């Protein structure tokens, strides 16, 4: 069976699974494709991308989860490509200027949503500090994560797993939020091509469907 046909026939499921016969999530499917042992932590994938992909897989509905399948092959071989820290900052930036802004708008906190989107791209600790005022205005959880998490990968994981996604998933516009997440996946996996950076907060309301064609 050809690899492409095999991927088409895979159904991605939420959560981890004891065996492949019980189903596969996104990362378990990657391990299957590259013939690694059954695991949701395949060695061939960047650990930062893996953290995001596991969370995204579990937060999506079943139909939207299948749109992740084009990324199965794209993420193979990223484990040692040298972009792990950059990916972590991209996730942090999206969490604050994208997901958090959606959350604020859904709660009619329009000034805070505007302030989140107006922040400069968060790509290092200096630009992260500039986000502290907005974070403190929204609530202590995000600000506390910035304050107590000294490592960029750990911070990206904290925001992804515990804060930004949970907050934004309370949004009234789940479709818009999902599109922004798929756009982020595109960026995380095409980083070596040096594509122009989407302004996470600014562009979240203007994601063009053509940007996501291969993810549908």
N, C-alpha and C. Protein backbone atom coordinates (compact mmCIF):
# COMPACT_ATOMS: atom_id res chain seq x y z
N UNK A 1 0.85 -1.19 0.00
CA UNK A 1 0.00 0.00 0.00
C UNK A 1 0.88 1.24 0.00
N UNK A 2 0.60 2.17 -0.87
CA UNK A 2 1.41 3.38 -0.96
C UNK A 2 1.24 4.23 0.28
N UNK A 3 2.30 5.00 0.62
CA UNK A 3 2.26 5.81 1.83
C UNK A 3 1.11 6.80 1.80
N UNK A 4 0.90 7.45 0.64
CA UNK A 4 -0.16 8.46 0.53
C UNK A 4 -1.53 7.84 0.80
N UNK A 5 -1.77 6.65 0.19
CA UNK A 5 -3.04 5.98 0.41
C UNK A 5 -3.20 5.61 1.87
N UNK A 6 -2.12 5.15 2.51
CA UNK A 6 -2.18 4.79 3.92
C UNK A 6 -2.59 5.99 4.76
N UNK A 7 -2.00 7.16 4.48
CA UNK A 7 -2.34 8.37 5.23
C UNK A 7 -3.80 8.73 5.01
N UNK A 8 -4.27 8.61 3.79
CA UNK A 8 -5.67 8.92 3.51
C UNK A 8 -6.61 8.02 4.30
N UNK A 9 -6.17 6.81 4.56
CA UNK A 9 -7.03 5.85 5.25
C UNK A 9 -6.94 5.94 6.77
N UNK A 10 -6.01 6.74 7.27
CA UNK A 10 -5.87 6.88 8.71
C UNK A 10 -6.99 7.78 9.25
N UNK A 11 -7.57 7.40 10.36
CA UNK A 11 -8.51 8.26 11.08
C UNK A 11 -7.87 8.68 12.38
N UNK A 12 -7.66 9.97 12.54
CA UNK A 12 -7.03 10.49 13.75
C UNK A 12 -8.06 10.58 14.86
N UNK A 13 -7.66 10.14 16.05
CA UNK A 13 -8.55 10.13 17.21
C UNK A 13 -7.95 10.96 18.33
N UNK A 14 -8.79 11.36 19.26
CA UNK A 14 -8.33 12.13 20.41
C UNK A 14 -7.64 11.22 21.41
N UNK A 15 -6.67 11.80 22.14
CA UNK A 15 -6.01 11.08 23.22
C UNK A 15 -4.95 10.11 22.73
N UNK A 16 -4.24 9.53 23.69
CA UNK A 16 -3.27 8.49 23.37
C UNK A 16 -3.97 7.13 23.44
N UNK A 17 -3.35 6.12 22.85
CA UNK A 17 -3.98 4.82 22.74
C UNK A 17 -3.00 3.72 23.13
N UNK A 18 -3.45 2.70 23.84
CA UNK A 18 -2.54 1.62 24.28
C UNK A 18 -1.87 0.91 23.11
N UNK A 19 -2.65 0.67 22.04
CA UNK A 19 -2.11 0.00 20.86
C UNK A 19 -2.69 0.67 19.62
N UNK A 20 -2.09 0.41 18.47
CA UNK A 20 -2.59 1.00 17.23
C UNK A 20 -3.97 0.46 16.87
N UNK A 21 -4.27 -0.73 17.28
CA UNK A 21 -5.60 -1.28 16.99
C UNK A 21 -6.69 -0.52 17.74
N UNK A 22 -6.29 0.22 18.80
CA UNK A 22 -7.25 1.03 19.55
C UNK A 22 -7.45 2.40 18.92
N UNK A 23 -6.61 2.75 17.94
CA UNK A 23 -6.69 4.04 17.29
C UNK A 23 -5.35 4.77 17.39
N UNK A 24 -5.27 5.89 16.68
CA UNK A 24 -4.04 6.69 16.72
C UNK A 24 -4.39 8.17 16.74
N UNK A 25 -3.63 8.92 17.53
CA UNK A 25 -3.70 10.37 17.46
C UNK A 25 -2.70 10.82 16.39
N UNK A 26 -2.56 12.12 16.22
CA UNK A 26 -1.66 12.65 15.19
C UNK A 26 -0.23 12.12 15.37
N UNK A 27 0.31 12.26 16.57
CA UNK A 27 1.70 11.88 16.79
C UNK A 27 1.89 10.36 16.74
N UNK A 28 0.91 9.60 17.19
CA UNK A 28 0.99 8.14 17.07
C UNK A 28 0.98 7.72 15.60
N UNK A 29 0.23 8.46 14.78
CA UNK A 29 0.21 8.17 13.35
C UNK A 29 1.58 8.43 12.72
N UNK A 30 2.25 9.50 13.17
CA UNK A 30 3.59 9.78 12.66
C UNK A 30 4.53 8.62 12.98
N UNK A 31 4.49 8.14 14.23
CA UNK A 31 5.33 7.01 14.63
C UNK A 31 5.05 5.79 13.76
N UNK A 32 3.80 5.58 13.41
CA UNK A 32 3.39 4.46 12.57
C UNK A 32 3.98 4.61 11.18
N UNK A 33 3.86 5.80 10.61
CA UNK A 33 4.33 6.04 9.25
C UNK A 33 5.83 5.79 9.12
N UNK A 34 6.60 6.22 10.11
CA UNK A 34 8.06 6.06 10.03
C UNK A 34 8.54 4.75 10.65
N UNK A 35 7.58 3.90 11.04
CA UNK A 35 7.87 2.57 11.56
C UNK A 35 8.63 2.61 12.89
N UNK A 36 8.35 3.64 13.69
CA UNK A 36 8.82 3.64 15.06
C UNK A 36 7.84 2.83 15.92
N UNK A 37 8.25 2.49 17.12
CA UNK A 37 7.34 1.80 18.02
C UNK A 37 6.16 2.71 18.33
N UNK A 38 5.05 2.11 18.73
CA UNK A 38 3.84 2.87 19.00
C UNK A 38 4.08 3.85 20.14
N UNK A 39 3.90 5.14 19.85
CA UNK A 39 4.17 6.19 20.84
C UNK A 39 3.60 7.50 20.33
N UNK A 40 3.22 8.40 21.25
CA UNK A 40 2.82 9.74 20.84
C UNK A 40 3.97 10.73 20.98
N UNK A 41 5.19 10.19 21.14
CA UNK A 41 6.40 11.01 21.19
C UNK A 41 7.44 10.46 20.21
N UNK A 42 7.13 10.41 18.92
CA UNK A 42 8.09 9.86 17.96
C UNK A 42 9.39 10.66 17.95
N UNK A 43 10.50 9.96 17.84
CA UNK A 43 11.81 10.59 17.92
C UNK A 43 12.12 11.48 16.72
N UNK A 44 11.38 11.31 15.64
CA UNK A 44 11.69 12.04 14.40
C UNK A 44 11.09 13.44 14.36
N UNK A 45 10.33 13.83 15.38
CA UNK A 45 9.59 15.10 15.35
C UNK A 45 10.14 16.07 16.40
N UNK A 46 10.24 17.34 16.03
CA UNK A 46 10.66 18.39 16.95
C UNK A 46 9.79 18.32 18.21
N UNK A 47 10.39 18.25 19.39
CA UNK A 47 9.60 18.13 20.62
C UNK A 47 8.68 19.32 20.86
N UNK A 48 9.07 20.51 20.42
CA UNK A 48 8.21 21.68 20.60
C UNK A 48 6.98 21.56 19.72
N UNK A 49 7.18 21.19 18.46
CA UNK A 49 6.03 20.97 17.58
C UNK A 49 5.17 19.84 18.12
N UNK A 50 5.81 18.79 18.65
CA UNK A 50 5.06 17.66 19.18
C UNK A 50 4.14 18.05 20.31
N UNK A 51 4.59 18.93 21.20
CA UNK A 51 3.74 19.40 22.30
C UNK A 51 2.50 20.09 21.75
N UNK A 52 2.70 20.96 20.77
CA UNK A 52 1.55 21.67 20.20
C UNK A 52 0.62 20.69 19.48
N UNK A 53 1.20 19.78 18.69
CA UNK A 53 0.38 18.87 17.89
C UNK A 53 -0.47 17.95 18.77
N UNK A 54 0.10 17.47 19.88
CA UNK A 54 -0.69 16.61 20.77
C UNK A 54 -1.88 17.37 21.36
N UNK A 55 -1.64 18.61 21.77
CA UNK A 55 -2.73 19.41 22.34
C UNK A 55 -3.76 19.76 21.28
N UNK A 56 -3.30 20.19 20.13
CA UNK A 56 -4.21 20.58 19.04
C UNK A 56 -5.06 19.39 18.61
N UNK A 57 -4.45 18.21 18.50
CA UNK A 57 -5.17 16.99 18.14
C UNK A 57 -6.34 16.75 19.10
N UNK A 58 -6.08 16.92 20.40
CA UNK A 58 -7.10 16.60 21.39
C UNK A 58 -8.16 17.67 21.54
N UNK A 59 -7.85 18.91 21.16
CA UNK A 59 -8.81 20.00 21.33
C UNK A 59 -9.77 20.13 20.14
N UNK A 60 -9.38 19.60 18.99
CA UNK A 60 -10.23 19.71 17.80
C UNK A 60 -11.37 18.70 17.83
N UNK A 61 -12.46 19.04 17.15
CA UNK A 61 -13.51 18.07 16.93
C UNK A 61 -13.04 17.03 15.92
N UNK A 62 -13.77 15.93 15.80
CA UNK A 62 -13.31 14.84 14.96
C UNK A 62 -13.11 15.24 13.50
N UNK A 63 -14.05 15.99 12.94
CA UNK A 63 -13.93 16.39 11.53
C UNK A 63 -12.73 17.30 11.32
N UNK A 64 -12.57 18.30 12.19
CA UNK A 64 -11.43 19.21 12.05
C UNK A 64 -10.11 18.48 12.31
N UNK A 65 -10.11 17.49 13.18
CA UNK A 65 -8.88 16.74 13.48
C UNK A 65 -8.32 16.07 12.23
N UNK A 66 -9.18 15.64 11.33
CA UNK A 66 -8.71 14.96 10.11
C UNK A 66 -7.96 15.93 9.19
N UNK A 67 -8.16 17.23 9.38
CA UNK A 67 -7.44 18.22 8.58
C UNK A 67 -5.96 18.29 8.95
N UNK A 68 -5.59 17.61 10.04
CA UNK A 68 -4.19 17.57 10.44
C UNK A 68 -3.39 16.58 9.58
N UNK A 69 -4.05 15.69 8.86
CA UNK A 69 -3.34 14.62 8.17
C UNK A 69 -2.28 15.09 7.18
N UNK A 70 -2.48 16.20 6.45
CA UNK A 70 -1.41 16.64 5.55
C UNK A 70 -0.11 16.98 6.27
N UNK A 71 -0.19 17.25 7.57
CA UNK A 71 1.02 17.61 8.33
C UNK A 71 1.79 16.39 8.82
N UNK A 72 1.22 15.20 8.68
CA UNK A 72 1.87 14.00 9.18
C UNK A 72 3.26 13.82 8.58
N UNK A 73 3.36 13.97 7.29
CA UNK A 73 4.65 13.81 6.61
C UNK A 73 5.51 15.06 6.75
N UNK A 74 4.86 16.23 6.78
CA UNK A 74 5.61 17.48 6.87
C UNK A 74 6.48 17.57 8.11
N UNK A 75 6.02 16.98 9.22
CA UNK A 75 6.75 17.13 10.48
C UNK A 75 7.86 16.10 10.65
N UNK A 76 7.92 15.11 9.79
CA UNK A 76 8.95 14.07 9.91
C UNK A 76 10.32 14.69 9.62
N UNK A 77 11.29 14.40 10.47
CA UNK A 77 12.64 14.89 10.28
C UNK A 77 12.91 16.25 10.89
N UNK A 78 12.00 16.75 11.69
CA UNK A 78 12.19 18.08 12.31
C UNK A 78 12.86 18.00 13.68
N UNK A 79 13.15 16.81 14.15
CA UNK A 79 13.63 16.66 15.54
C UNK A 79 14.95 17.37 15.80
N UNK A 80 15.81 17.45 14.81
CA UNK A 80 17.12 18.07 15.00
C UNK A 80 17.41 19.12 13.93
N UNK A 81 16.37 19.85 13.54
CA UNK A 81 16.57 20.82 12.46
C UNK A 81 17.04 22.19 12.94
N UNK A 82 17.19 22.36 14.26
CA UNK A 82 17.71 23.60 14.80
C UNK A 82 16.69 24.70 15.03
N UNK A 83 15.41 24.42 14.85
CA UNK A 83 14.38 25.46 14.96
C UNK A 83 13.48 25.30 16.18
N UNK A 84 13.86 24.44 17.12
CA UNK A 84 12.98 24.18 18.26
C UNK A 84 12.69 25.45 19.06
N UNK A 85 13.72 26.23 19.37
CA UNK A 85 13.49 27.43 20.17
C UNK A 85 12.68 28.46 19.40
N UNK A 86 12.94 28.62 18.12
CA UNK A 86 12.14 29.56 17.32
C UNK A 86 10.68 29.13 17.30
N UNK A 87 10.43 27.82 17.17
CA UNK A 87 9.05 27.34 17.19
C UNK A 87 8.39 27.66 18.54
N UNK A 88 9.14 27.52 19.61
CA UNK A 88 8.58 27.82 20.93
C UNK A 88 8.13 29.27 21.01
N UNK A 89 8.96 30.18 20.51
CA UNK A 89 8.56 31.60 20.53
C UNK A 89 7.37 31.86 19.62
N UNK A 90 7.29 31.16 18.51
CA UNK A 90 6.13 31.33 17.61
C UNK A 90 4.85 30.90 18.30
N UNK A 91 4.92 29.81 19.06
CA UNK A 91 3.74 29.34 19.80
C UNK A 91 3.36 30.34 20.89
N UNK A 92 4.36 30.86 21.59
CA UNK A 92 4.10 31.87 22.61
C UNK A 92 3.45 33.10 22.00
N UNK A 93 3.98 33.55 20.87
CA UNK A 93 3.45 34.73 20.20
C UNK A 93 1.99 34.49 19.79
N UNK A 94 1.72 33.34 19.21
CA UNK A 94 0.35 33.02 18.81
C UNK A 94 -0.57 32.93 20.02
N UNK A 95 -0.07 32.35 21.10
CA UNK A 95 -0.90 32.20 22.30
C UNK A 95 -1.36 33.55 22.83
N UNK A 96 -0.46 34.55 22.78
CA UNK A 96 -0.78 35.86 23.34
C UNK A 96 -1.48 36.74 22.32
N UNK A 97 -0.87 36.93 21.14
CA UNK A 97 -1.42 37.90 20.19
C UNK A 97 -2.53 37.32 19.34
N UNK A 98 -2.67 36.01 19.34
CA UNK A 98 -3.73 35.38 18.58
C UNK A 98 -4.82 34.83 19.47
N UNK A 99 -4.51 33.72 20.18
CA UNK A 99 -5.52 33.03 20.98
C UNK A 99 -6.08 33.92 22.08
N UNK A 100 -5.19 34.64 22.78
CA UNK A 100 -5.65 35.51 23.86
C UNK A 100 -6.54 36.63 23.32
N UNK A 101 -6.19 37.16 22.15
CA UNK A 101 -7.01 38.22 21.57
C UNK A 101 -8.41 37.72 21.23
N UNK A 102 -8.50 36.50 20.71
CA UNK A 102 -9.81 35.91 20.42
C UNK A 102 -10.61 35.75 21.71
N UNK A 103 -9.95 35.28 22.74
CA UNK A 103 -10.61 35.12 24.04
C UNK A 103 -11.16 36.46 24.54
N UNK A 104 -10.34 37.50 24.45
CA UNK A 104 -10.77 38.82 24.94
C UNK A 104 -11.96 39.33 24.15
N UNK A 105 -11.93 39.16 22.85
CA UNK A 105 -13.06 39.62 22.04
C UNK A 105 -14.33 38.85 22.39
N UNK A 106 -14.20 37.55 22.62
CA UNK A 106 -15.37 36.75 22.97
C UNK A 106 -15.97 37.18 24.29
N UNK A 107 -15.15 37.75 25.15
CA UNK A 107 -15.62 38.23 26.46
C UNK A 107 -15.92 39.73 26.44
N UNK A 108 -15.95 40.28 25.21
CA UNK A 108 -16.24 41.71 25.02
C UNK A 108 -15.19 42.60 25.68
N UNK A 109 -13.96 42.09 25.79
CA UNK A 109 -12.84 42.88 26.31
C UNK A 109 -12.08 43.45 25.11
N UNK A 110 -12.75 44.31 24.38
CA UNK A 110 -12.23 44.73 23.08
C UNK A 110 -10.95 45.55 23.19
N UNK A 111 -10.84 46.35 24.23
CA UNK A 111 -9.61 47.13 24.40
C UNK A 111 -8.41 46.22 24.64
N UNK A 112 -8.62 45.17 25.45
CA UNK A 112 -7.53 44.25 25.71
C UNK A 112 -7.20 43.42 24.48
N UNK A 113 -8.23 43.07 23.71
CA UNK A 113 -7.98 42.34 22.46
C UNK A 113 -7.14 43.20 21.52
N UNK A 114 -7.48 44.47 21.44
CA UNK A 114 -6.72 45.39 20.60
C UNK A 114 -5.28 45.52 21.09
N UNK A 115 -5.12 45.61 22.41
CA UNK A 115 -3.77 45.75 22.97
C UNK A 115 -2.94 44.49 22.71
N UNK A 116 -3.58 43.32 22.80
CA UNK A 116 -2.84 42.08 22.55
C UNK A 116 -2.37 42.01 21.11
N UNK A 117 -3.24 42.39 20.19
CA UNK A 117 -2.86 42.34 18.77
C UNK A 117 -1.83 43.40 18.42
N UNK A 118 -1.81 44.48 19.16
CA UNK A 118 -0.88 45.58 18.85
C UNK A 118 0.53 45.33 19.38
N UNK A 119 0.69 44.29 20.20
CA UNK A 119 2.02 43.98 20.73
C UNK A 119 2.97 43.63 19.59
N UNK A 120 4.25 43.96 19.73
CA UNK A 120 5.23 43.49 18.75
C UNK A 120 5.34 41.98 18.81
N UNK A 121 5.78 41.38 17.72
CA UNK A 121 5.94 39.93 17.71
C UNK A 121 6.80 39.48 18.89
N UNK A 122 6.31 38.50 19.61
CA UNK A 122 7.04 37.98 20.77
C UNK A 122 8.01 36.91 20.28
N UNK A 123 9.30 37.25 20.27
CA UNK A 123 10.30 36.33 19.72
C UNK A 123 11.52 36.17 20.62
N UNK A 124 11.51 36.84 21.78
CA UNK A 124 12.60 36.68 22.74
C UNK A 124 12.10 37.20 24.08
N UNK A 125 12.97 37.15 25.11
CA UNK A 125 12.52 37.55 26.44
C UNK A 125 12.26 39.04 26.54
N UNK A 126 12.96 39.83 25.75
CA UNK A 126 12.70 41.28 25.78
C UNK A 126 11.31 41.61 25.27
N UNK A 127 10.93 41.01 24.15
CA UNK A 127 9.58 41.27 23.63
C UNK A 127 8.52 40.59 24.49
N UNK A 128 8.88 39.50 25.16
CA UNK A 128 7.93 38.85 26.06
C UNK A 128 7.59 39.77 27.23
N UNK A 129 8.58 40.48 27.72
CA UNK A 129 8.34 41.39 28.84
C UNK A 129 7.36 42.49 28.47
N UNK A 130 7.37 42.89 27.20
CA UNK A 130 6.47 43.95 26.77
C UNK A 130 5.01 43.51 26.83
N UNK A 131 4.80 42.19 26.84
CA UNK A 131 3.43 41.67 26.89
C UNK A 131 2.88 41.61 28.31
N UNK A 132 3.72 41.85 29.30
CA UNK A 132 3.30 41.64 30.69
C UNK A 132 2.14 42.54 31.10
N UNK A 133 2.10 43.78 30.60
CA UNK A 133 1.02 44.70 30.98
C UNK A 133 -0.33 44.17 30.52
N UNK A 134 -0.39 43.70 29.28
CA UNK A 134 -1.64 43.14 28.76
C UNK A 134 -2.01 41.88 29.53
N UNK A 135 -1.02 41.04 29.80
CA UNK A 135 -1.30 39.79 30.51
C UNK A 135 -1.83 40.05 31.91
N UNK A 136 -1.24 41.00 32.58
CA UNK A 136 -1.70 41.34 33.93
C UNK A 136 -3.11 41.90 33.91
N UNK A 137 -3.48 42.57 32.84
CA UNK A 137 -4.82 43.14 32.74
C UNK A 137 -5.87 42.05 32.55
N UNK A 138 -5.50 40.99 31.85
CA UNK A 138 -6.46 39.92 31.57
C UNK A 138 -6.65 39.03 32.79
N UNK A 139 -5.57 38.72 33.47
CA UNK A 139 -5.66 37.84 34.63
C UNK A 139 -4.29 37.35 35.01
N UNK A 140 -4.20 36.73 36.15
CA UNK A 140 -2.89 36.38 36.70
C UNK A 140 -2.29 35.12 36.10
N UNK A 141 -3.09 34.24 35.51
CA UNK A 141 -2.57 32.94 35.08
C UNK A 141 -1.49 33.07 34.01
N UNK A 142 -1.79 33.79 32.95
CA UNK A 142 -0.80 33.97 31.89
C UNK A 142 0.42 34.72 32.39
N UNK A 143 0.18 35.78 33.14
CA UNK A 143 1.29 36.57 33.67
C UNK A 143 2.16 35.72 34.59
N UNK A 144 1.54 34.87 35.39
CA UNK A 144 2.29 34.02 36.31
C UNK A 144 3.15 33.03 35.53
N UNK A 145 2.62 32.52 34.42
CA UNK A 145 3.41 31.59 33.59
C UNK A 145 4.67 32.28 33.07
N UNK A 146 4.53 33.53 32.64
CA UNK A 146 5.69 34.28 32.17
C UNK A 146 6.68 34.51 33.31
N UNK A 147 6.17 34.76 34.50
CA UNK A 147 7.03 35.14 35.62
C UNK A 147 7.82 33.96 36.19
N UNK A 148 7.21 32.78 36.19
CA UNK A 148 7.85 31.67 36.89
C UNK A 148 8.47 30.64 35.96
N UNK A 149 8.35 30.83 34.66
CA UNK A 149 8.86 29.84 33.71
C UNK A 149 10.08 30.39 32.99
N UNK A 150 11.28 29.99 33.41
CA UNK A 150 12.49 30.59 32.86
C UNK A 150 12.93 30.05 31.51
N UNK A 151 12.37 28.90 31.08
CA UNK A 151 12.82 28.31 29.83
C UNK A 151 11.75 28.48 28.76
N UNK A 152 12.17 28.88 27.57
CA UNK A 152 11.22 29.21 26.52
C UNK A 152 10.37 28.01 26.13
N UNK A 153 10.94 26.82 26.04
CA UNK A 153 10.15 25.66 25.65
C UNK A 153 9.11 25.32 26.71
N UNK A 154 9.50 25.45 27.97
CA UNK A 154 8.54 25.18 29.05
C UNK A 154 7.42 26.21 29.04
N UNK A 155 7.75 27.46 28.73
CA UNK A 155 6.73 28.50 28.66
C UNK A 155 5.77 28.23 27.52
N UNK A 156 6.29 27.86 26.37
CA UNK A 156 5.42 27.53 25.24
C UNK A 156 4.49 26.39 25.59
N UNK A 157 5.01 25.40 26.29
CA UNK A 157 4.19 24.25 26.69
C UNK A 157 3.11 24.68 27.68
N UNK A 158 3.48 25.52 28.64
CA UNK A 158 2.52 25.97 29.65
C UNK A 158 1.38 26.74 29.01
N UNK A 159 1.71 27.64 28.10
CA UNK A 159 0.68 28.44 27.45
C UNK A 159 -0.22 27.57 26.58
N UNK A 160 0.39 26.65 25.85
CA UNK A 160 -0.37 25.80 24.95
C UNK A 160 -1.29 24.86 25.70
N UNK A 161 -0.77 24.15 26.68
CA UNK A 161 -1.54 23.11 27.34
C UNK A 161 -2.56 23.65 28.34
N UNK A 162 -2.19 24.67 29.08
CA UNK A 162 -2.99 25.04 30.25
C UNK A 162 -3.75 26.36 30.14
N UNK A 163 -3.31 27.23 29.26
CA UNK A 163 -3.83 28.58 29.33
C UNK A 163 -4.49 29.06 28.05
N UNK A 164 -3.69 29.37 27.06
CA UNK A 164 -4.23 30.05 25.89
C UNK A 164 -5.30 29.24 25.17
N UNK A 165 -5.07 27.96 24.96
CA UNK A 165 -6.06 27.17 24.24
C UNK A 165 -7.35 27.04 25.04
N UNK A 166 -7.22 26.77 26.34
CA UNK A 166 -8.42 26.62 27.15
C UNK A 166 -9.23 27.91 27.17
N UNK A 167 -8.54 29.04 27.24
CA UNK A 167 -9.25 30.31 27.26
C UNK A 167 -9.92 30.56 25.91
N UNK A 168 -9.15 30.41 24.85
CA UNK A 168 -9.67 30.76 23.54
C UNK A 168 -10.75 29.79 23.08
N UNK A 169 -10.73 28.56 23.56
CA UNK A 169 -11.76 27.62 23.16
C UNK A 169 -13.11 27.97 23.75
N UNK A 170 -13.15 28.95 24.64
CA UNK A 170 -14.42 29.49 25.09
C UNK A 170 -14.94 30.54 24.14
N UNK A 171 -14.20 30.76 23.05
CA UNK A 171 -14.56 31.78 22.09
C UNK A 171 -15.88 31.45 21.40
N UNK A 172 -16.57 32.48 20.96
CA UNK A 172 -17.80 32.29 20.23
C UNK A 172 -17.54 31.87 18.79
N UNK A 173 -16.30 32.04 18.31
CA UNK A 173 -15.97 31.75 16.92
C UNK A 173 -14.89 30.67 16.86
N UNK A 174 -15.30 29.42 17.08
CA UNK A 174 -14.36 28.32 17.10
C UNK A 174 -13.74 28.12 15.72
N UNK A 175 -14.51 28.32 14.66
CA UNK A 175 -13.98 28.12 13.31
C UNK A 175 -12.80 29.05 13.04
N UNK A 176 -12.95 30.31 13.44
CA UNK A 176 -11.87 31.27 13.24
C UNK A 176 -10.65 30.87 14.05
N UNK A 177 -10.87 30.45 15.29
CA UNK A 177 -9.76 30.04 16.13
C UNK A 177 -9.06 28.82 15.54
N UNK A 178 -9.83 27.84 15.04
CA UNK A 178 -9.23 26.66 14.45
C UNK A 178 -8.39 27.02 13.23
N UNK A 179 -8.89 27.93 12.40
CA UNK A 179 -8.13 28.33 11.22
C UNK A 179 -6.80 28.97 11.61
N UNK A 180 -6.82 29.75 12.67
CA UNK A 180 -5.57 30.38 13.11
C UNK A 180 -4.58 29.33 13.60
N UNK A 181 -5.08 28.28 14.25
CA UNK A 181 -4.20 27.21 14.71
C UNK A 181 -3.57 26.44 13.56
N UNK A 182 -4.35 26.19 12.52
CA UNK A 182 -3.79 25.51 11.35
C UNK A 182 -2.77 26.41 10.63
N UNK A 183 -3.04 27.70 10.61
CA UNK A 183 -2.07 28.63 10.03
C UNK A 183 -0.77 28.59 10.82
N UNK A 184 -0.87 28.48 12.15
CA UNK A 184 0.33 28.36 12.97
C UNK A 184 1.08 27.08 12.64
N UNK A 185 0.38 25.97 12.46
CA UNK A 185 1.04 24.73 12.10
C UNK A 185 1.82 24.88 10.80
N UNK A 186 1.22 25.57 9.83
CA UNK A 186 1.93 25.85 8.58
C UNK A 186 3.25 26.55 8.86
N UNK A 187 3.20 27.56 9.69
CA UNK A 187 4.39 28.36 9.98
C UNK A 187 5.43 27.54 10.73
N UNK A 188 4.99 26.73 11.67
CA UNK A 188 5.92 25.92 12.45
C UNK A 188 6.69 24.94 11.58
N UNK A 189 6.05 24.48 10.51
CA UNK A 189 6.68 23.45 9.68
C UNK A 189 7.31 24.00 8.40
N UNK A 190 7.12 25.27 8.12
CA UNK A 190 7.77 25.87 6.94
C UNK A 190 8.77 26.93 7.38
N UNK A 191 9.17 26.89 8.62
CA UNK A 191 10.05 27.91 9.18
C UNK A 191 11.38 27.98 8.44
N UNK A 192 11.87 26.85 7.95
CA UNK A 192 13.16 26.85 7.25
C UNK A 192 13.09 27.52 5.89
N UNK A 193 11.88 27.72 5.38
CA UNK A 193 11.72 28.37 4.09
C UNK A 193 11.75 29.89 4.22
N UNK A 194 11.79 30.36 5.46
CA UNK A 194 11.83 31.79 5.75
C UNK A 194 10.67 32.54 5.11
N UNK A 195 9.47 31.95 5.25
CA UNK A 195 8.29 32.62 4.75
C UNK A 195 8.03 33.84 5.63
N UNK A 196 7.41 34.89 5.09
CA UNK A 196 7.11 36.07 5.90
C UNK A 196 6.25 35.68 7.10
N UNK A 197 6.60 36.23 8.26
CA UNK A 197 5.88 35.89 9.48
C UNK A 197 4.49 36.50 9.48
N UNK A 198 3.49 35.65 9.67
CA UNK A 198 2.14 36.17 9.90
C UNK A 198 2.14 36.91 11.22
N UNK A 199 1.49 38.03 11.28
CA UNK A 199 1.36 38.75 12.54
C UNK A 199 0.23 38.09 13.32
N UNK A 200 0.60 37.19 14.21
CA UNK A 200 -0.35 36.31 14.88
C UNK A 200 -1.62 36.98 15.31
N UNK A 201 -1.51 38.09 16.04
CA UNK A 201 -2.71 38.76 16.50
C UNK A 201 -3.40 39.51 15.39
N UNK A 202 -2.62 40.15 14.52
CA UNK A 202 -3.20 40.99 13.48
C UNK A 202 -3.91 40.17 12.43
N UNK A 203 -3.33 39.01 12.09
CA UNK A 203 -3.85 38.24 10.97
C UNK A 203 -4.92 37.25 11.37
N UNK A 204 -5.12 37.04 12.66
CA UNK A 204 -6.03 35.98 13.05
C UNK A 204 -7.44 36.20 12.49
N UNK A 205 -7.84 37.43 12.32
CA UNK A 205 -9.17 37.71 11.79
C UNK A 205 -9.18 37.78 10.27
N UNK A 206 -8.02 37.55 9.63
CA UNK A 206 -7.93 37.68 8.18
C UNK A 206 -7.28 36.47 7.54
N UNK A 207 -7.45 35.31 8.13
CA UNK A 207 -6.86 34.11 7.57
C UNK A 207 -7.59 33.76 6.29
N UNK A 208 -6.88 33.74 5.20
CA UNK A 208 -7.48 33.44 3.92
C UNK A 208 -7.57 31.92 3.76
N UNK A 209 -8.67 31.47 3.18
CA UNK A 209 -8.85 30.03 3.03
C UNK A 209 -7.78 29.42 2.15
N UNK A 210 -7.24 30.19 1.20
CA UNK A 210 -6.22 29.64 0.32
C UNK A 210 -4.95 29.26 1.08
N UNK A 211 -4.72 29.89 2.24
CA UNK A 211 -3.55 29.56 3.04
C UNK A 211 -3.67 28.18 3.65
N UNK A 212 -4.90 27.69 3.73
CA UNK A 212 -5.14 26.44 4.43
C UNK A 212 -5.61 25.34 3.49
N UNK A 213 -5.51 25.55 2.17
CA UNK A 213 -6.08 24.62 1.23
C UNK A 213 -5.57 23.19 1.44
N UNK A 214 -4.27 23.06 1.67
CA UNK A 214 -3.72 21.71 1.81
C UNK A 214 -4.04 21.10 3.15
N UNK A 215 -4.64 21.87 4.07
CA UNK A 215 -5.01 21.33 5.37
C UNK A 215 -6.48 20.96 5.42
N UNK A 216 -7.15 21.02 4.29
CA UNK A 216 -8.59 20.73 4.27
C UNK A 216 -8.85 19.46 3.48
